[in-house]
């Protein structure tokens, strides 16, 4: 396991949360232009430092973290506001699978899982869920995360997937088309301190068994 090392991350300043609070009220290009320096200094730079500290442990060799663009894709959206009201970052360990963190007016949230699956990959995932050896492993991982206060989410079918009995003991997991977990860290004072790095790292380490199970059993 990679041990903690000194980093340049010192937390997200209160100005980051205030920036997104104001952006929710005035999501316009003029507001962004006037406050872009706040975004750069209070949001983007700390997120880059946080990802630099986490990537050595969680990213595969040679991979870098992705810090998402702040601009919304409004081409097909009814909501034409131009900017996202949060800043997300992501460490991928496989296609559409990895670890996530974001900051917004609500504070910081961590997450992990797989966010998209092709038909072939989804079939492999469900076969592994249904298997009498690998399925109970995932069931235990998910139950352990839920007991620790983690929210389990993802896109799910309302009915049973084709080919699986609705009475299957793991039917709730079989209904998943994506599988994600997450936790709100909120906006307590530790968010603006270096301690936040340890909190995010702890959550990501807790999510790792789920991510590793998906990578091992989803035909990637």
Protein backbone atom coordinates (compact mmCIF):
# COMPACT_ATOMS: atom_id res chain seq x y z
CA UNK A 1 0.00 0.00 0.00
CA UNK A 2 1.22 3.50 -0.84
CA UNK A 3 1.81 5.53 2.31
CA UNK A 4 0.86 9.15 2.78
CA UNK A 5 3.46 11.69 1.67
CA UNK A 6 3.60 15.47 1.99
CA UNK A 7 1.57 17.26 -0.66
CA UNK A 8 0.78 20.74 -1.90
CA UNK A 9 -2.91 20.25 -1.10
CA UNK A 10 -4.18 22.47 1.71
CA UNK A 11 -7.93 22.03 1.29
CA UNK A 12 -10.60 23.95 -0.58
CA UNK A 13 -10.93 27.48 0.81
CA UNK A 14 -14.32 28.83 1.83
CA UNK A 15 -14.12 30.96 -1.31
CA UNK A 16 -14.61 27.80 -3.40
CA UNK A 17 -17.94 27.00 -1.76
CA UNK A 18 -18.98 30.66 -1.91
CA UNK A 19 -18.08 30.74 -5.61
CA UNK A 20 -20.46 27.87 -6.39
CA UNK A 21 -23.14 29.29 -4.12
CA UNK A 22 -23.02 32.52 -6.13
CA UNK A 23 -22.80 30.66 -9.45
CA UNK A 24 -26.04 28.84 -8.68
CA UNK A 25 -27.70 32.25 -8.37
CA UNK A 26 -26.00 33.86 -11.38
CA UNK A 27 -24.92 31.23 -13.91
CA UNK A 28 -23.91 33.66 -16.64
CA UNK A 29 -20.86 34.34 -18.74
CA UNK A 30 -20.52 37.80 -17.22
CA UNK A 31 -20.39 36.38 -13.67
CA UNK A 32 -17.84 33.79 -14.78
CA UNK A 33 -15.63 36.39 -16.45
CA UNK A 34 -15.66 38.56 -13.34
CA UNK A 35 -14.91 35.67 -10.97
CA UNK A 36 -12.75 33.34 -13.06
CA UNK A 37 -9.75 34.19 -10.89
CA UNK A 38 -11.66 32.80 -7.89
CA UNK A 39 -12.36 29.59 -9.80
CA UNK A 40 -8.71 29.27 -10.83
CA UNK A 41 -7.30 29.94 -7.37
CA UNK A 42 -9.93 28.46 -5.02
CA UNK A 43 -11.30 25.56 -7.08
CA UNK A 44 -9.08 24.46 -9.96
CA UNK A 45 -5.68 24.78 -8.30
CA UNK A 46 -6.66 22.90 -5.11
CA UNK A 47 -8.32 20.17 -7.16
CA UNK A 48 -5.16 19.76 -9.22
CA UNK A 49 -3.13 19.48 -6.01
CA UNK A 50 -5.58 16.94 -4.55
CA UNK A 51 -5.39 14.78 -7.67
CA UNK A 52 -1.59 15.02 -7.74
CA UNK A 53 -1.53 13.65 -4.19
CA UNK A 54 -4.00 10.80 -4.89
CA UNK A 55 -2.93 9.67 -8.35
CA UNK A 56 0.25 7.77 -7.32
CA UNK A 57 -1.80 5.38 -5.19
CA UNK A 58 -5.00 4.98 -7.19
CA UNK A 59 -4.17 5.45 -10.87
CA UNK A 60 -2.66 2.66 -12.95
CA UNK A 61 0.96 3.22 -13.92
CA UNK A 62 1.35 6.10 -16.31
CA UNK A 63 -2.24 7.30 -15.98
CA UNK A 64 -3.22 10.78 -14.86
CA UNK A 65 -6.35 12.13 -13.23
CA UNK A 66 -9.02 13.83 -15.31
CA UNK A 67 -10.24 17.18 -14.03
CA UNK A 68 -13.53 17.85 -15.79
CA UNK A 69 -14.16 21.01 -17.74
CA UNK A 70 -16.35 23.56 -15.97
CA UNK A 71 -18.50 24.11 -19.04
CA UNK A 72 -21.82 22.33 -19.58
CA UNK A 73 -22.69 20.67 -22.89
CA UNK A 74 -25.93 22.49 -23.66
CA UNK A 75 -26.36 21.38 -27.27
CA UNK A 76 -29.31 19.09 -26.54
CA UNK A 77 -30.26 20.36 -23.07
CA UNK A 78 -33.31 22.40 -22.13
CA UNK A 79 -31.22 24.04 -19.42
CA UNK A 80 -28.89 26.40 -21.26
CA UNK A 81 -26.93 27.66 -18.26
CA UNK A 82 -23.31 27.53 -19.41
CA UNK A 83 -21.41 26.35 -16.31
CA UNK A 84 -21.46 23.32 -14.05
CA UNK A 85 -22.25 24.11 -10.43
CA UNK A 86 -19.59 21.70 -9.20
CA UNK A 87 -16.03 20.74 -10.06
CA UNK A 88 -15.40 17.03 -10.50
CA UNK A 89 -12.24 15.01 -10.93
CA UNK A 90 -11.79 11.35 -11.76
CA UNK A 91 -9.11 8.67 -11.68
CA UNK A 92 -9.89 5.93 -14.20
CA UNK A 93 -8.64 2.39 -13.61
CA UNK A 94 -10.60 0.86 -16.52
CA UNK A 95 -13.12 2.10 -19.11
CA UNK A 96 -15.81 4.13 -17.29
CA UNK A 97 -14.58 2.69 -13.98
CA UNK A 98 -12.68 4.45 -11.23
CA UNK A 99 -12.66 6.94 -8.36
CA UNK A 100 -14.37 10.33 -8.23
CA UNK A 101 -14.40 13.50 -6.09
CA UNK A 102 -16.21 16.80 -6.47
CA UNK A 103 -16.58 20.14 -4.73
CA UNK A 104 -19.68 22.33 -4.88
CA UNK A 105 -21.68 24.71 -2.71
CA UNK A 106 -22.74 21.63 -0.72
CA UNK A 107 -19.13 20.76 0.05
CA UNK A 108 -17.15 17.71 -1.02
CA UNK A 109 -18.44 14.34 -2.21
CA UNK A 110 -16.45 11.20 -2.98
CA UNK A 111 -17.49 8.33 -5.22
CA UNK A 112 -16.43 5.30 -7.23
CA UNK A 113 -17.81 2.55 -9.42
CA UNK A 114 -18.60 2.00 -13.07
CA UNK A 115 -20.59 4.62 -14.90
CA UNK A 116 -21.31 2.98 -18.27
CA UNK A 117 -21.31 -0.53 -19.67
CA UNK A 118 -21.72 -1.88 -23.16
CA UNK A 119 -24.05 -4.81 -23.73
CA UNK A 120 -21.17 -7.29 -23.64
CA UNK A 121 -19.65 -5.82 -20.51
CA UNK A 122 -23.01 -5.56 -18.75
CA UNK A 123 -23.66 -9.19 -19.57
CA UNK A 124 -20.31 -10.17 -18.02
CA UNK A 125 -21.13 -8.11 -14.93
CA UNK A 126 -24.50 -9.80 -14.48
CA UNK A 127 -23.05 -13.25 -15.05
CA UNK A 128 -20.55 -12.56 -12.27
CA UNK A 129 -23.30 -11.27 -9.98
CA UNK A 130 -25.34 -14.41 -10.59
CA UNK A 131 -22.39 -16.77 -10.09
CA UNK A 132 -22.42 -18.61 -6.77
CA UNK A 133 -18.80 -17.69 -6.01
CA UNK A 134 -18.31 -14.17 -7.35
CA UNK A 135 -21.84 -12.90 -6.69
CA UNK A 136 -21.70 -13.29 -2.89
CA UNK A 137 -18.33 -11.51 -2.91
CA UNK A 138 -19.92 -8.41 -4.43
CA UNK A 139 -22.91 -8.71 -2.14
CA UNK A 140 -20.63 -8.61 0.91
CA UNK A 141 -18.65 -5.66 -0.46
CA UNK A 142 -21.82 -3.64 -1.06
CA UNK A 143 -23.29 -4.55 2.33
CA UNK A 144 -20.09 -3.53 4.09
CA UNK A 145 -20.07 -0.17 2.32
CA UNK A 146 -23.71 0.47 3.18
CA UNK A 147 -23.05 -0.28 6.84
CA UNK A 148 -20.28 2.32 6.81
CA UNK A 149 -22.71 5.00 5.64
CA UNK A 150 -21.94 4.88 1.93
CA UNK A 151 -24.80 5.36 -0.54
CA UNK A 152 -25.11 2.74 -3.28
CA UNK A 153 -26.51 4.04 -6.55
CA UNK A 154 -26.40 3.72 -10.29
CA UNK A 155 -28.88 3.23 -13.10
CA UNK A 156 -31.17 0.25 -12.52
CA UNK A 157 -33.91 -1.59 -14.32
CA UNK A 158 -37.35 -1.48 -12.72
CA UNK A 159 -37.94 -5.07 -13.77
CA UNK A 160 -35.75 -8.16 -13.86
CA UNK A 161 -33.12 -8.29 -16.61
CA UNK A 162 -33.85 -10.72 -19.40
CA UNK A 163 -32.67 -14.22 -18.63
CA UNK A 164 -32.70 -13.86 -14.83
CA UNK A 165 -35.37 -15.04 -12.43
CA UNK A 166 -37.07 -12.28 -10.50
CA UNK A 167 -36.71 -14.42 -7.37
CA UNK A 168 -32.91 -14.56 -7.65
CA UNK A 169 -31.31 -13.85 -4.26
CA UNK A 170 -29.23 -11.04 -5.80
CA UNK A 171 -31.89 -9.63 -8.10
CA UNK A 172 -31.36 -6.08 -6.80
CA UNK A 173 -27.72 -6.18 -7.90
CA UNK A 174 -28.66 -7.85 -11.17
CA UNK A 175 -30.95 -4.93 -12.01
CA UNK A 176 -28.00 -2.52 -12.06
CA UNK A 177 -26.92 -1.14 -15.45
CA UNK A 178 -24.28 0.91 -13.66
CA UNK A 179 -23.09 0.59 -10.09
CA UNK A 180 -21.76 3.52 -8.08
CA UNK A 181 -21.08 4.31 -4.44
CA UNK A 182 -20.59 7.67 -2.78
CA UNK A 183 -20.46 9.67 0.40
CA UNK A 184 -21.03 13.35 1.18
CA UNK A 185 -18.23 14.81 3.28
CA UNK A 186 -20.14 18.08 3.52
CA UNK A 187 -18.63 21.48 4.22
CA UNK A 188 -17.23 21.19 7.72
CA UNK A 189 -14.07 23.09 8.66
CA UNK A 190 -11.82 20.17 7.68
CA UNK A 191 -12.75 20.78 4.03
CA UNK A 192 -10.49 23.83 4.09
CA UNK A 193 -7.52 21.99 5.61
CA UNK A 194 -4.96 19.40 4.46
CA UNK A 195 -7.00 16.86 6.47
CA UNK A 196 -9.40 16.61 3.53
CA UNK A 197 -6.77 14.67 1.58
CA UNK A 198 -6.81 11.93 4.22
CA UNK A 199 -10.63 11.86 4.23
CA UNK A 200 -10.83 11.42 0.46
CA UNK A 201 -8.03 8.85 0.51
CA UNK A 202 -9.81 6.89 3.25
CA UNK A 203 -13.06 6.83 1.26
CA UNK A 204 -11.31 5.78 -1.95
CA UNK A 205 -9.50 2.98 -0.13
CA UNK A 206 -12.87 1.85 1.19
CA UNK A 207 -14.30 1.85 -2.35
CA UNK A 208 -11.34 -0.04 -3.79
CA UNK A 209 -12.74 -3.59 -3.23
CA UNK A 210 -15.80 -2.66 -5.31
CA UNK A 211 -13.71 -1.16 -8.10
CA UNK A 212 -11.38 -4.17 -8.12
CA UNK A 213 -14.32 -6.58 -8.25
CA UNK A 214 -15.79 -4.75 -11.24
CA UNK A 215 -12.45 -4.74 -13.06
CA UNK A 216 -11.91 -8.45 -12.33
CA UNK A 217 -15.38 -9.67 -13.29
CA UNK A 218 -16.82 -7.35 -15.93
CA UNK A 219 -14.95 -8.61 -18.96
CA UNK A 220 -12.71 -5.54 -19.25
